[in-house]
């Protein structure tokens, strides 16, 4: 259904957007701007003149942007490759960007940390039109050495983290519908208006790279195991599943820091996670809502890092528990080796869920959505409503306990979780036959949202 110009004006007015400014500058002017950007030498990472010339020639020749090409590293996106066809964006798509960014600016300046805001100002994210990736990529590279890699959809975790290890950030090319605040899958409003500023926060950018390097470590071990397995296809499939599971737990650490992380700053809780800050509604919810749980953690502490890796979540709505870093500096401790080591521990332990406050948590706020660690088991026993996250964790954990789980492993947590009543374990052991209990597959794709 088409929207009239009158309706566009009303929509723009609701978000404080000047509709007259929702218009990309002509291509000739963008060529001039790109030429000036590429020639800059007063930047941390100067673009090689030959590569700058090639970039400009491609732009003038109307070659769509795909993957940044300023550094020596390359990434193969395979079937997930896409291109930004900038001239094809509609007026409505640009208006959707303008309205979303205007709303984001309002909430970001209330709740984002100062490092994030400085980074966003550097790239002029708060403009009224969708950014041209040619221009944006050049500026990002000059300031951070990161580059954009354009993808068609959510990509597998393996490829997502491979991009990170090479300092490429996967970005989509579509824009959400007008006046849509929250989106399950990443769009330009998330990938660009949410993430780009985080590249300028050194400790956050380092965590992103380290997750990519952790992926490399997992695949080195995976490939060695596959080589030892010979022609045993069953064993090879098990090894691949093992590697995917490790990536899933590493992805949880990424999720609760890079995507949905908060940090203490000047005695106040502030947002830096791109998943939070790309949604004006969740930005407010994460800090101001009495509904959400907020837990203070020290990511340099192994117990706290394990808390992240063992916490399941959903992407379909606002998060229920947020983890607040004591300081950005502590994120530097998330080396590839620690990420991998923590993921391996998470593999052998029962898991918590996004609604739980657990023993040992240093809580800032206990919200109205809180549940106890054992509530999911009682709900499952009594056939009471459970969201997919609680259901998944309940079934997984009870299967561990029902197979004579080594309880001494629980000592790896900061504090022991409440003992699961034996009658529930026995009930589950008898009932867990056939397809009675199915575990919904946790989204193991791109941990981006």
Protein backbone atom coordinates (compact mmCIF):
# COMPACT_ATOMS: atom_id res chain seq x y z
CA UNK A 1 0.00 0.00 0.00
CA UNK A 2 1.45 3.36 -1.00
CA UNK A 3 1.71 6.18 1.51
CA UNK A 4 0.73 9.67 0.45
CA UNK A 5 3.06 12.64 0.78
CA UNK A 6 0.71 13.98 3.43
CA UNK A 7 1.13 10.81 5.46
CA UNK A 8 4.90 11.00 5.02
CA UNK A 9 4.80 14.50 6.45
CA UNK A 10 2.80 13.34 9.45
CA UNK A 11 5.17 10.43 10.07
CA UNK A 12 8.23 12.66 9.78
CA UNK A 13 6.70 15.17 12.17
CA UNK A 14 6.03 12.48 14.77
CA UNK A 15 9.74 11.72 14.87
CA UNK A 16 11.02 15.27 14.59
CA UNK A 17 12.37 14.71 11.08
CA UNK A 18 12.56 17.46 8.45
CA UNK A 19 11.03 15.70 5.45
CA UNK A 20 12.79 18.06 3.05
CA UNK A 21 16.14 16.66 4.21
CA UNK A 22 15.17 13.06 3.50
CA UNK A 23 16.79 13.14 0.11
CA UNK A 24 20.18 11.69 -0.87
CA UNK A 25 22.67 14.13 -2.34
CA UNK A 26 23.27 13.70 -6.07
CA UNK A 27 25.81 11.10 -7.19
CA UNK A 28 28.16 13.82 -8.47
CA UNK A 29 28.30 15.36 -4.99
CA UNK A 30 28.91 11.96 -3.40
CA UNK A 31 31.77 11.34 -5.83
CA UNK A 32 33.30 14.62 -4.74
CA UNK A 33 32.92 13.66 -1.06
CA UNK A 34 34.42 10.22 -1.61
CA UNK A 35 37.37 11.76 -3.45
CA UNK A 36 38.05 14.04 -0.48
CA UNK A 37 37.70 11.21 2.04
CA UNK A 38 40.03 8.87 0.16
CA UNK A 39 42.74 11.54 -0.04
CA UNK A 40 42.89 12.18 3.72
CA UNK A 41 46.20 11.60 5.45
CA UNK A 42 45.28 13.03 8.88
CA UNK A 43 43.77 9.70 9.97
CA UNK A 44 45.06 6.68 11.93
CA UNK A 45 44.95 4.40 8.87
CA UNK A 46 45.77 6.09 5.56
CA UNK A 47 44.31 4.40 2.49
CA UNK A 48 46.85 3.21 -0.06
CA UNK A 49 46.63 5.56 -3.11
CA UNK A 50 46.32 2.67 -5.58
CA UNK A 51 43.46 1.14 -3.63
CA UNK A 52 41.85 4.55 -3.25
CA UNK A 53 42.00 5.04 -7.03
CA UNK A 54 40.44 1.61 -7.65
CA UNK A 55 37.66 2.34 -5.15
CA UNK A 56 36.87 5.70 -6.76
CA UNK A 57 36.90 4.21 -10.26
CA UNK A 58 34.46 1.49 -9.20
CA UNK A 59 32.18 4.08 -7.62
CA UNK A 60 32.20 6.33 -10.67
CA UNK A 61 31.43 3.30 -12.83
CA UNK A 62 28.37 2.53 -10.68
CA UNK A 63 29.77 -0.75 -9.34
CA UNK A 64 27.65 -1.66 -6.27
CA UNK A 65 29.44 -1.93 -2.94
CA UNK A 66 30.11 -5.49 -1.76
CA UNK A 67 33.18 -5.96 0.44
CA UNK A 68 35.73 -3.39 1.57
CA UNK A 69 39.06 -3.66 -0.24
CA UNK A 70 41.42 -1.21 1.46
CA UNK A 71 43.44 -3.65 3.58
CA UNK A 72 45.41 -6.77 2.76
CA UNK A 73 42.79 -9.11 4.23
CA UNK A 74 39.93 -10.60 2.24
CA UNK A 75 36.79 -12.47 3.21
CA UNK A 76 34.75 -14.89 1.11
CA UNK A 77 31.03 -14.57 1.86
CA UNK A 78 30.04 -17.27 -0.61
CA UNK A 79 26.30 -17.69 -1.02
CA UNK A 80 25.66 -14.90 1.50
CA UNK A 81 27.29 -12.20 -0.66
CA UNK A 82 25.19 -9.16 -1.45
CA UNK A 83 25.61 -5.63 -2.75
CA UNK A 84 24.29 -2.24 -1.78
CA UNK A 85 22.41 -0.83 -4.76
CA UNK A 86 22.28 2.65 -3.32
CA UNK A 87 20.25 4.32 -6.05
CA UNK A 88 17.50 1.70 -5.58
CA UNK A 89 16.54 2.81 -2.07
CA UNK A 90 13.09 4.35 -2.05
CA UNK A 91 12.05 7.59 -0.41
CA UNK A 92 10.11 5.54 2.11
CA UNK A 93 13.19 3.51 3.03
CA UNK A 94 15.23 6.66 3.56
CA UNK A 95 12.41 8.09 5.67
CA UNK A 96 12.32 4.90 7.74
CA UNK A 97 16.05 5.34 8.40
CA UNK A 98 15.59 9.02 9.27
CA UNK A 99 12.76 8.34 11.72
CA UNK A 100 14.54 5.42 13.39
CA UNK A 101 17.80 7.33 13.73
CA UNK A 102 16.00 10.38 15.11
CA UNK A 103 14.37 8.20 17.78
CA UNK A 104 17.71 6.50 18.45
CA UNK A 105 19.46 9.82 18.87
CA UNK A 106 16.97 10.84 21.54
CA UNK A 107 17.43 7.69 23.60
CA UNK A 108 21.14 7.29 22.92
CA UNK A 109 21.93 10.72 24.29
CA UNK A 110 20.03 9.77 27.42
CA UNK A 111 21.44 6.30 28.00
CA UNK A 112 24.51 5.52 25.84
CA UNK A 113 28.04 5.66 27.25
CA UNK A 114 30.17 8.62 26.18
CA UNK A 115 32.60 6.48 24.12
CA UNK A 116 29.73 5.25 21.98
CA UNK A 117 28.42 8.77 21.42
CA UNK A 118 31.87 10.01 20.42
CA UNK A 119 32.18 7.22 17.87
CA UNK A 120 28.77 7.91 16.42
CA UNK A 121 29.56 11.60 15.99
CA UNK A 122 32.77 10.64 14.15
CA UNK A 123 30.79 8.87 11.43
CA UNK A 124 27.81 11.23 11.32
CA UNK A 125 25.36 8.38 11.75
CA UNK A 126 22.48 10.70 12.60
CA UNK A 127 21.87 11.84 9.02
CA UNK A 128 18.48 11.81 7.31
CA UNK A 129 19.34 9.29 4.58
CA UNK A 130 20.70 5.76 4.52
CA UNK A 131 24.51 5.88 4.38
CA UNK A 132 26.29 5.12 1.13
CA UNK A 133 28.55 2.19 2.04
CA UNK A 134 31.36 3.40 -0.26
CA UNK A 135 31.73 6.59 1.77
CA UNK A 136 31.03 4.99 5.13
CA UNK A 137 33.44 2.10 4.60
CA UNK A 138 36.29 4.47 3.72
CA UNK A 139 35.74 6.51 6.86
CA UNK A 140 35.44 3.43 9.08
CA UNK A 141 38.69 1.99 7.69
CA UNK A 142 40.57 5.26 8.19
CA UNK A 143 39.56 5.46 11.84
CA UNK A 144 39.48 1.82 12.95
CA UNK A 145 40.91 -0.46 10.19
CA UNK A 146 37.56 -2.30 10.16
CA UNK A 147 35.62 -2.64 6.91
CA UNK A 148 32.10 -3.56 5.84
CA UNK A 149 31.13 -6.81 4.13
CA UNK A 150 27.65 -6.79 2.63
CA UNK A 151 25.47 -9.85 3.25
CA UNK A 152 22.05 -10.91 2.07
CA UNK A 153 20.70 -12.32 5.34
CA UNK A 154 21.61 -13.62 8.79
CA UNK A 155 24.77 -15.65 8.31
CA UNK A 156 26.09 -18.70 10.18
CA UNK A 157 28.08 -18.04 13.35
CA UNK A 158 31.14 -19.64 11.77
CA UNK A 159 31.18 -17.08 8.93
CA UNK A 160 30.15 -14.20 11.18
CA UNK A 161 33.12 -14.74 13.48
CA UNK A 162 35.46 -15.42 10.55
CA UNK A 163 34.63 -11.92 9.30
CA UNK A 164 35.43 -10.55 12.75
CA UNK A 165 38.85 -12.21 12.88
CA UNK A 166 39.70 -10.33 9.66
CA UNK A 167 38.17 -7.03 10.86
CA UNK A 168 35.19 -7.19 8.53
CA UNK A 169 31.73 -6.50 9.85
CA UNK A 170 28.79 -8.11 7.99
CA UNK A 171 26.06 -5.60 7.14
CA UNK A 172 22.70 -6.14 5.52
CA UNK A 173 21.23 -3.84 2.87
CA UNK A 174 17.53 -3.74 3.75
CA UNK A 175 15.74 -1.22 5.93
CA UNK A 176 12.95 -2.10 8.34
CA UNK A 177 9.44 -0.81 7.75
CA UNK A 178 8.47 2.70 8.73
CA UNK A 179 8.05 3.25 12.49
CA UNK A 180 9.14 -0.28 13.41
CA UNK A 181 11.17 -0.08 16.62
CA UNK A 182 12.30 -3.65 17.32
CA UNK A 183 13.46 -6.14 14.72
CA UNK A 184 14.53 -9.75 15.25
CA UNK A 185 16.85 -9.83 12.26
CA UNK A 186 19.55 -7.25 11.57
CA UNK A 187 18.91 -4.45 9.09
CA UNK A 188 20.82 -1.27 8.25
CA UNK A 189 19.23 0.40 11.26
CA UNK A 190 20.94 -2.18 13.47
CA UNK A 191 24.12 -3.01 11.59
CA UNK A 192 25.08 0.58 10.84
CA UNK A 193 23.24 2.80 13.30
CA UNK A 194 23.81 0.26 16.07
CA UNK A 195 27.26 -1.21 15.49
CA UNK A 196 29.48 1.25 13.66
CA UNK A 197 30.13 3.44 16.70
CA UNK A 198 31.29 0.41 18.71
CA UNK A 199 34.29 -0.08 16.39
CA UNK A 200 35.76 3.08 17.93
CA UNK A 201 35.65 1.67 21.49
CA UNK A 202 39.00 -0.19 21.61
CA UNK A 203 38.02 -2.79 24.18
CA UNK A 204 34.76 -3.64 22.40
CA UNK A 205 36.45 -3.84 18.99
CA UNK A 206 39.09 -6.10 20.53
CA UNK A 207 36.39 -8.42 21.92
CA UNK A 208 34.90 -8.65 18.43
CA UNK A 209 38.24 -9.61 16.88
CA UNK A 210 38.93 -12.07 19.70
CA UNK A 211 35.65 -13.84 19.07
CA UNK A 212 36.77 -14.31 15.50
CA UNK A 213 40.09 -15.69 16.69
CA UNK A 214 38.27 -17.98 19.12
CA UNK A 215 36.37 -19.34 16.14
CA UNK A 216 39.73 -20.05 14.48
CA UNK A 217 40.88 -21.98 17.55
CA UNK A 218 37.69 -24.03 17.54
CA UNK A 219 38.12 -24.89 13.88
CA UNK A 220 41.77 -25.84 14.26
CA UNK A 221 40.74 -28.35 16.91
CA UNK A 222 37.69 -29.44 14.90
CA UNK A 223 39.73 -30.07 11.76
CA UNK A 224 42.36 -32.03 13.68
CA UNK A 225 39.65 -34.26 15.16
CA UNK A 226 38.06 -34.77 11.74
CA UNK A 227 41.43 -35.78 10.32
CA UNK A 228 41.79 -38.38 13.07
CA UNK A 229 38.26 -39.67 12.41
CA UNK A 230 39.19 -40.94 8.96
CA UNK A 231 36.13 -42.09 6.99
CA UNK A 232 33.83 -42.43 10.00
CA UNK A 233 30.97 -40.16 8.85
CA UNK A 234 29.06 -40.53 12.10
CA UNK A 235 32.08 -39.45 14.10
CA UNK A 236 32.71 -36.54 11.74
CA UNK A 237 29.12 -35.31 12.16
CA UNK A 238 29.53 -35.49 15.93
CA UNK A 239 32.72 -33.43 15.74
CA UNK A 240 31.03 -30.80 13.59
CA UNK A 241 28.13 -30.60 16.05
CA UNK A 242 30.64 -30.24 18.88
CA UNK A 243 32.27 -27.27 17.14
CA UNK A 244 28.89 -25.65 16.42
CA UNK A 245 27.94 -26.00 20.07
CA UNK A 246 31.15 -24.29 21.17
CA UNK A 247 30.42 -21.43 18.77
CA UNK A 248 26.96 -21.15 20.27
CA UNK A 249 28.35 -20.65 23.78
CA UNK A 250 31.01 -18.24 22.54
CA UNK A 251 28.16 -16.42 20.81
CA UNK A 252 26.38 -15.98 24.13
CA UNK A 253 29.39 -14.12 25.50
CA UNK A 254 29.29 -11.93 22.39
CA UNK A 255 25.54 -11.44 22.78
CA UNK A 256 25.69 -10.23 26.36
CA UNK A 257 28.64 -7.89 25.72
CA UNK A 258 28.89 -6.56 22.16
CA UNK A 259 25.17 -6.82 21.40
CA UNK A 260 23.43 -6.28 24.74
CA UNK A 261 26.15 -5.06 27.08
CA UNK A 262 25.90 -2.27 29.63
CA UNK A 263 28.69 -0.58 31.56
CA UNK A 264 29.09 1.42 34.75
CA UNK A 265 30.18 4.97 34.02
CA UNK A 266 30.48 7.73 36.62
CA UNK A 267 28.37 5.68 39.01
CA UNK A 268 25.54 5.16 36.50
CA UNK A 269 24.49 2.32 34.22
CA UNK A 270 25.03 3.13 30.55
CA UNK A 271 24.39 1.19 27.32
CA UNK A 272 27.03 0.25 24.76
CA UNK A 273 25.54 -2.88 23.15
CA UNK A 274 24.53 -2.39 19.52
CA UNK A 275 21.45 -4.57 19.90
CA UNK A 276 20.16 -2.33 22.66
CA UNK A 277 21.04 1.02 21.13
CA UNK A 278 19.58 0.21 17.71
CA UNK A 279 16.15 -0.08 19.38
CA UNK A 280 14.95 3.14 21.03
CA UNK A 281 12.39 1.17 23.02
CA UNK A 282 14.90 -1.36 24.35
CA UNK A 283 17.39 1.39 25.15
CA UNK A 284 14.91 2.79 27.66
CA UNK A 285 13.82 -0.66 28.82
CA UNK A 286 17.36 -1.86 29.51
CA UNK A 287 18.07 0.85 32.07
CA UNK A 288 14.81 2.43 33.18
CA UNK A 289 12.32 -0.44 33.19
CA UNK A 290 11.42 -2.05 36.51
CA UNK A 291 10.69 -5.22 34.54
CA UNK A 292 14.23 -6.21 33.48
CA UNK A 293 16.94 -7.79 35.63
CA UNK A 294 20.34 -6.07 35.71
CA UNK A 295 23.36 -7.96 37.02
CA UNK A 296 26.79 -6.42 37.66
CA UNK A 297 29.69 -8.55 36.42
CA UNK A 298 33.45 -8.47 36.10
CA UNK A 299 34.28 -10.11 32.72
CA UNK A 300 37.86 -10.70 33.87
CA UNK A 301 36.45 -13.12 36.48
CA UNK A 302 36.06 -16.68 35.16
CA UNK A 303 32.89 -17.20 37.20
CA UNK A 304 31.24 -14.16 35.64
CA UNK A 305 32.29 -15.10 32.13
CA UNK A 306 30.84 -18.57 32.66
CA UNK A 307 27.60 -16.92 33.80
CA UNK A 308 27.32 -15.36 30.34
CA UNK A 309 28.17 -18.54 28.43
CA UNK A 310 25.64 -20.64 30.35
CA UNK A 311 22.75 -18.17 29.98
CA UNK A 312 20.26 -18.98 27.23
CA UNK A 313 18.16 -16.23 25.60
CA UNK A 314 15.62 -15.44 22.89
CA UNK A 315 15.87 -12.89 20.09
CA UNK A 316 12.14 -12.43 19.59
CA UNK A 317 11.62 -9.68 22.18
CA UNK A 318 13.45 -7.38 24.57
CA UNK A 319 15.98 -9.15 26.75
CA UNK A 320 14.94 -10.01 30.30
CA UNK A 321 18.37 -9.90 31.97
CA UNK A 322 21.20 -7.51 31.16
CA UNK A 323 24.78 -7.81 32.35
CA UNK A 324 26.53 -4.62 33.38
CA UNK A 325 30.31 -4.53 33.00
CA UNK A 326 32.14 -2.91 35.89
CA UNK A 327 34.35 -1.10 33.36
CA UNK A 328 35.34 -1.27 29.70
CA UNK A 329 38.94 -2.09 30.60
CA UNK A 330 37.88 -5.46 31.99
CA UNK A 331 36.68 -6.54 28.54
CA UNK A 332 40.33 -6.67 27.48
CA UNK A 333 40.55 -9.94 29.43
CA UNK A 334 38.32 -11.74 26.90
CA UNK A 335 41.14 -13.38 24.98
CA UNK A 336 40.39 -16.04 22.35
CA UNK A 337 41.75 -18.69 24.69
CA UNK A 338 39.48 -17.62 27.58
CA UNK A 339 36.45 -17.52 25.31
CA UNK A 340 37.17 -21.06 24.09
CA UNK A 341 37.95 -22.36 27.59
CA UNK A 342 34.72 -20.90 28.93
CA UNK A 343 32.66 -22.31 26.05
CA UNK A 344 34.04 -25.78 26.80
CA UNK A 345 33.01 -25.44 30.45
CA UNK A 346 29.52 -24.31 29.42
CA UNK A 347 29.19 -27.44 27.31
CA UNK A 348 29.44 -29.70 30.37
CA UNK A 349 27.24 -27.67 32.74
CA UNK A 350 23.50 -27.07 33.19
CA UNK A 351 22.33 -23.74 31.84
CA UNK A 352 20.48 -20.74 33.19
CA UNK A 353 17.90 -18.70 31.29
CA UNK A 354 17.33 -15.08 30.46
CA UNK A 355 14.74 -14.61 33.22
CA UNK A 356 16.74 -15.98 36.13
CA UNK A 357 18.65 -14.34 38.94
CA UNK A 358 20.95 -17.03 40.29
CA UNK A 359 22.99 -17.61 43.45
CA UNK A 360 26.06 -15.39 43.50
CA UNK A 361 24.61 -12.69 41.22
CA UNK A 362 25.50 -9.10 42.14
CA UNK A 363 22.15 -7.59 41.25
CA UNK A 364 21.51 -3.95 40.46
CA UNK A 365 17.84 -4.55 39.78
CA UNK A 366 15.60 -7.59 40.21
CA UNK A 367 12.78 -7.13 37.72
CA UNK A 368 9.20 -8.29 37.60
CA UNK A 369 10.06 -10.96 35.01
CA UNK A 370 12.45 -12.75 37.36
CA UNK A 371 12.20 -16.49 37.91
CA UNK A 372 14.14 -18.78 40.21
CA UNK A 373 16.49 -21.39 38.71
CA UNK A 374 14.14 -24.25 39.64
CA UNK A 375 10.87 -22.66 38.50
CA UNK A 376 11.28 -23.91 34.93
CA UNK A 377 11.37 -27.51 36.17
CA UNK A 378 8.16 -27.18 38.19
CA UNK A 379 6.44 -25.52 35.24
CA UNK A 380 7.50 -28.35 32.96
CA UNK A 381 6.34 -30.93 35.50
CA UNK A 382 2.91 -29.30 35.84
CA UNK A 383 2.50 -28.53 32.13
CA UNK A 384 2.43 -24.79 32.80
CA UNK A 385 3.37 -22.13 30.21
CA UNK A 386 7.07 -21.77 29.44
CA UNK A 387 8.75 -19.68 26.80
CA UNK A 388 11.12 -21.46 24.40
CA UNK A 389 14.19 -20.38 26.33
CA UNK A 390 12.99 -21.81 29.67
CA UNK A 391 11.71 -24.96 27.97
CA UNK A 392 14.99 -25.55 26.19
CA UNK A 393 17.09 -25.09 29.34
CA UNK A 394 14.76 -27.17 31.50
CA UNK A 395 14.86 -30.16 29.16
CA UNK A 396 18.61 -29.91 28.58
CA UNK A 397 19.39 -29.66 32.29
CA UNK A 398 17.05 -32.45 33.37
CA UNK A 399 18.57 -34.76 30.78
CA UNK A 400 21.96 -34.07 32.33
CA UNK A 401 20.72 -34.74 35.85
CA UNK A 402 18.78 -37.84 34.74
CA UNK A 403 21.95 -39.41 33.30
CA UNK A 404 23.86 -39.28 36.58
CA UNK A 405 25.50 -35.91 36.03
CA UNK A 406 28.71 -35.35 38.00
CA UNK A 407 27.51 -32.82 40.57
CA UNK A 408 31.08 -31.83 41.45
CA UNK A 409 31.19 -29.92 38.15
CA UNK A 410 28.76 -27.39 39.63
CA UNK A 411 31.65 -26.03 41.68
CA UNK A 412 32.71 -24.14 38.56
CA UNK A 413 29.85 -21.70 39.16
CA UNK A 414 30.39 -18.79 41.53
CA UNK A 415 27.79 -20.35 43.84
CA UNK A 416 26.00 -23.68 43.66
CA UNK A 417 22.59 -23.55 42.01
CA UNK A 418 19.63 -24.79 44.04
CA UNK A 419 19.39 -28.56 44.15
CA UNK A 420 16.85 -29.93 41.68
CA UNK A 421 14.31 -32.03 43.60
CA UNK A 422 14.92 -35.75 43.04
CA UNK A 423 11.24 -36.38 42.37
CA UNK A 424 11.39 -34.05 39.35
CA UNK A 425 14.48 -35.81 38.02
CA UNK A 426 12.85 -39.22 38.45
CA UNK A 427 9.63 -38.02 36.82
CA UNK A 428 11.61 -36.66 33.86
CA UNK A 429 13.67 -39.84 33.51
CA UNK A 430 10.47 -41.87 33.12
CA UNK A 431 8.73 -39.39 30.83
CA UNK A 432 11.61 -38.54 28.51
CA UNK A 433 10.87 -41.13 25.86
CA UNK A 434 10.07 -40.79 22.19
CA UNK A 435 9.21 -37.26 21.16
CA UNK A 436 7.64 -36.25 24.46
CA UNK A 437 10.24 -33.55 25.06
CA UNK A 438 11.74 -31.79 22.09
CA UNK A 439 14.39 -29.12 22.45
CA UNK A 440 13.83 -26.18 20.15
CA UNK A 441 17.06 -25.50 18.28
CA UNK A 442 18.77 -22.48 19.72
CA UNK A 443 19.53 -19.89 17.06
CA UNK A 444 23.16 -20.72 16.33
CA UNK A 445 23.43 -18.33 13.40
CA UNK A 446 24.78 -14.81 13.50
CA UNK A 447 24.60 -13.67 17.15
CA UNK A 448 23.84 -10.28 15.75
CA UNK A 449 20.23 -9.18 16.02
